[in-house]
PDB file of N, CA and C in Angstrom:
ATOM      1  N   SER A   1       1.026  -0.832   0.557  1.00  0.00           N
ATOM      2  CA  SER A   1      -0.551  -0.064   0.266  1.00  0.00           C
ATOM      3  C   SER A   1       0.857   1.114   0.228  1.00  0.00           C
ATOM      4  N   ARG A   2       2.187   1.204   1.193  1.00  0.00           N
ATOM      5  CA  ARG A   2       2.849   2.341   0.484  1.00  0.00           C
ATOM      6  C   ARG A   2       3.072   2.197  -0.734  1.00  0.00           C
ATOM      7  N   GLU A   3       3.449   1.715  -1.179  1.00  0.00           N
ATOM      8  CA  GLU A   3       4.180   1.271  -3.075  1.00  0.00           C
ATOM      9  C   GLU A   3       3.557   2.609  -4.041  1.00  0.00           C
ATOM     10  N   ILE A   4       1.754   2.142  -3.673  1.00  0.00           N
ATOM     11  CA  ILE A   4       0.513   2.716  -4.105  1.00  0.00           C
ATOM     12  C   ILE A   4       0.594   4.653  -3.927  1.00  0.00           C
ATOM     13  N   LYS A   5       0.798   3.860  -3.118  1.00  0.00           N
ATOM     14  CA  LYS A   5       0.820   5.651  -2.700  1.00  0.00           C
ATOM     15  C   LYS A   5       2.024   6.798  -2.610  1.00  0.00           C
ATOM     16  N   LEU A   6       2.883   6.038  -3.214  1.00  0.00           N
ATOM     17  CA  LEU A   6       4.776   6.694  -3.778  1.00  0.00           C
ATOM     18  C   LEU A   6       4.193   6.439  -5.280  1.00  0.00           C
ATOM     19  N   ARG A   7       3.454   5.933  -6.070  1.00  0.00           N
ATOM     20  CA  ARG A   7       3.165   6.560  -7.041  1.00  0.00           C
ATOM     21  C   ARG A   7       2.833   7.345  -7.346  1.00  0.00           C
ATOM     22  N   LYS A   8       1.627   7.533  -6.716  1.00  0.00           N
ATOM     23  CA  LYS A   8       0.158   8.420  -6.720  1.00  0.00           C
ATOM     24  C   LYS A   8       0.276  10.304  -6.682  1.00  0.00           C
ATOM     25  N   ILE A   9       1.943   9.933  -6.561  1.00  0.00           N
ATOM     26  CA  ILE A   9       2.505  11.336  -5.139  1.00  0.00           C
ATOM     27  C   ILE A   9       3.321  11.093  -6.312  1.00  0.00           C
ATOM     28  N   GLU A  10       3.926  11.058  -6.737  1.00  0.00           N
ATOM     29  CA  GLU A  10       4.924  10.880  -8.265  1.00  0.00           C
ATOM     30  C   GLU A  10       4.290  11.116  -8.827  1.00  0.00           C
ATOM     31  N   LYS A  11       3.316  10.348  -8.932  1.00  0.00           N
ATOM     32  CA  LYS A  11       1.942  11.378 -10.675  1.00  0.00           C
ATOM     33  C   LYS A  11       1.870  12.895 -10.355  1.00  0.00           C
ATOM     34  N   ILE A  12       1.076  12.836  -9.127  1.00  0.00           N
ATOM     35  CA  ILE A  12       0.626  14.104  -8.544  1.00  0.00           C
ATOM     36  C   ILE A  12       2.126  14.975  -8.971  1.00  0.00           C
ATOM     37  N   TYR A  13       3.270  15.350  -8.602  1.00  0.00           N
ATOM     38  CA  TYR A  13       5.084  15.766  -8.750  1.00  0.00           C
ATOM     39  C   TYR A  13       4.357  15.301 -10.525  1.00  0.00           C
ATOM     40  N   PHE A  14       4.619  14.322 -10.774  1.00  0.00           N
ATOM     41  CA  PHE A  14       5.061  14.979 -12.679  1.00  0.00           C
ATOM     42  C   PHE A  14       4.535  16.110 -13.028  1.00  0.00           C
ATOM     43  N   PHE A  15       2.602  15.540 -12.827  1.00  0.00           N
ATOM     44  CA  PHE A  15       1.827  16.838 -13.750  1.00  0.00           C
ATOM     45  C   PHE A  15       2.274  17.835 -12.719  1.00  0.00           C
ATOM     46  N   SER A  16       2.396  18.301 -11.506  1.00  0.00           N
ATOM     47  CA  SER A  16       2.332  20.316 -11.759  1.00  0.00           C
ATOM     48  C   SER A  16       3.565  19.880 -11.836  1.00  0.00           C
ATOM     49  N   ILE A  17       4.755  19.602 -12.352  1.00  0.00           N
ATOM     50  CA  ILE A  17       5.869  20.613 -12.999  1.00  0.00           C
ATOM     51  C   ILE A  17       5.602  20.236 -14.393  1.00  0.00           C
ATOM     52  N   ARG A  18       5.528  19.696 -14.664  1.00  0.00           N
ATOM     53  CA  ARG A  18       4.936  19.505 -16.207  1.00  0.00           C
ATOM     54  C   ARG A  18       3.501  21.442 -16.727  1.00  0.00           C
ATOM     55  N   THR A  19       2.944  21.371 -15.552  1.00  0.00           N
ATOM     56  CA  THR A  19       1.957  22.640 -16.457  1.00  0.00           C
ATOM     57  C   THR A  19       2.536  23.059 -15.440  1.00  0.00           C
ATOM     58  N   ILE A  20       3.682  23.448 -14.526  1.00  0.00           N
ATOM     59  CA  ILE A  20       4.600  24.580 -14.536  1.00  0.00           C
ATOM     60  C   ILE A  20       5.510  24.979 -15.944  1.00  0.00           C
ATOM     61  N   VAL A  21       5.757  23.903 -16.700  1.00  0.00           N
ATOM     62  CA  VAL A  21       6.659  24.353 -16.748  1.00  0.00           C
ATOM     63  C   VAL A  21       5.638  24.408 -18.791  1.00  0.00           C
ATOM     64  N   LEU A  22       5.230  23.586 -18.909  1.00  0.00           N
ATOM     65  CA  LEU A  22       4.105  24.419 -19.362  1.00  0.00           C
ATOM     66  C   LEU A  22       3.484  26.136 -20.011  1.00  0.00           C
ATOM     67  N   LYS A  23       3.411  26.803 -18.855  1.00  0.00           N
ATOM     68  CA  LYS A  23       2.688  27.669 -18.404  1.00  0.00           C
ATOM     69  C   LYS A  23       4.027  28.371 -18.704  1.00  0.00           C
ATOM     70  N   GLN A  24       5.249  28.635 -18.048  1.00  0.00           N
ATOM     71  CA  GLN A  24       6.139  29.348 -18.158  1.00  0.00           C
ATOM     72  C   GLN A  24       6.226  29.157 -20.068  1.00  0.00           C
ATOM     73  N   LEU A  25       6.655  28.176 -20.331  1.00  0.00           N
ATOM     74  CA  LEU A  25       6.975  28.516 -21.874  1.00  0.00           C
ATOM     75  C   LEU A  25       5.584  29.143 -22.172  1.00  0.00           C
ATOM     76  N   GLY A  26       5.063  28.762 -21.946  1.00  0.00           N
ATOM     77  CA  GLY A  26       3.605  29.902 -23.308  1.00  0.00           C
ATOM     78  C   GLY A  26       4.450  31.126 -22.912  1.00  0.00           C
ATOM     79  N   GLN A  27       4.398  31.605 -21.721  1.00  0.00           N
ATOM     80  CA  GLN A  27       4.367  33.007 -21.514  1.00  0.00           C
ATOM     81  C   GLN A  27       5.361  33.725 -21.810  1.00  0.00           C
ATOM     82  N   TYR A  28       6.506  32.481 -22.344  1.00  0.00           N
ATOM     83  CA  TYR A  28       7.665  32.930 -23.002  1.00  0.00           C
ATOM     84  C   TYR A  28       7.594  32.994 -24.409  1.00  0.00           C
ATOM     85  N   ASN A  29       7.027  32.013 -24.625  1.00  0.00           N
ATOM     86  CA  ASN A  29       6.368  32.690 -26.573  1.00  0.00           C
ATOM     87  C   ASN A  29       5.781  32.955 -26.595  1.00  0.00           C
ATOM     88  N   ARG A  30       5.012  34.200 -25.757  1.00  0.00           N
ATOM     89  CA  ARG A  30       3.904  34.933 -26.095  1.00  0.00           C
ATOM     90  C   ARG A  30       4.482  36.668 -26.141  1.00  0.00           C
ATOM     91  N   GLU A  31       5.863  36.369 -25.013  1.00  0.00           N
ATOM     92  CA  GLU A  31       6.701  37.586 -24.678  1.00  0.00           C
ATOM     93  C   GLU A  31       7.855  37.582 -26.576  1.00  0.00           C
ATOM     94  N   LEU A  32       8.108  36.519 -27.065  1.00  0.00           N
ATOM     95  CA  LEU A  32       8.202  36.446 -28.227  1.00  0.00           C
ATOM     96  C   LEU A  32       7.657  36.765 -29.430  1.00  0.00           C
ATOM     97  N   CYS A  33       6.486  36.560 -29.157  1.00  0.00           N
ATOM     98  CA  CYS A  33       5.477  37.028 -30.434  1.00  0.00           C
ATOM     99  C   CYS A  33       5.263  38.744 -30.489  1.00  0.00           C
ATOM    100  N   SER A  34       5.484  38.602 -29.023  1.00  0.00           N
ATOM    101  CA  SER A  34       4.845  40.485 -28.465  1.00  0.00           C
ATOM    102  C   SER A  34       6.380  40.439 -29.218  1.00  0.00           C
ATOM    103  N   PHE A  35       7.027  40.446 -28.877  1.00  0.00           N
ATOM    104  CA  PHE A  35       8.375  41.400 -29.745  1.00  0.00           C
ATOM    105  C   PHE A  35       9.195  41.603 -31.043  1.00  0.00           C
ATOM    106  N   SER A  36       8.598  40.104 -31.099  1.00  0.00           N
ATOM    107  CA  SER A  36       8.962  40.244 -33.458  1.00  0.00           C
ATOM    108  C   SER A  36       7.310  40.539 -33.980  1.00  0.00           C
ATOM    109  N   LEU A  37       6.980  40.685 -33.348  1.00  0.00           N
ATOM    110  CA  LEU A  37       6.093  41.940 -34.079  1.00  0.00           C
ATOM    111  C   LEU A  37       6.048  42.791 -33.224  1.00  0.00           C
ATOM    112  N   PHE A  38       6.274  43.583 -32.684  1.00  0.00           N
ATOM    113  CA  PHE A  38       6.707  44.836 -31.972  1.00  0.00           C
ATOM    114  C   PHE A  38       8.332  45.118 -31.868  1.00  0.00           C
ATOM    115  N   PRO A  39       8.669  44.982 -32.225  1.00  0.00           N
ATOM    116  CA  PRO A  39      10.849  45.717 -32.529  1.00  0.00           C
ATOM    117  C   PRO A  39      10.579  46.675 -31.486  1.00  0.00           C
ATOM    118  N   GLN A  40      11.634  46.190 -30.769  1.00  0.00           N
ATOM    119  CA  GLN A  40      11.682  47.903 -30.212  1.00  0.00           C
ATOM    120  C   GLN A  40      12.274  48.978 -30.802  1.00  0.00           C
TER     121      GLN A  40
END
């Protein structure tokens, strides 16, 4: 039963990290797009 709990925690951890990374990438892409659309 401890193994199952560990696996569940691993999954949650993985998904939260993936979500954070995807959010960061999305923000980065938006900044890149606005930068190339409106160069300083």
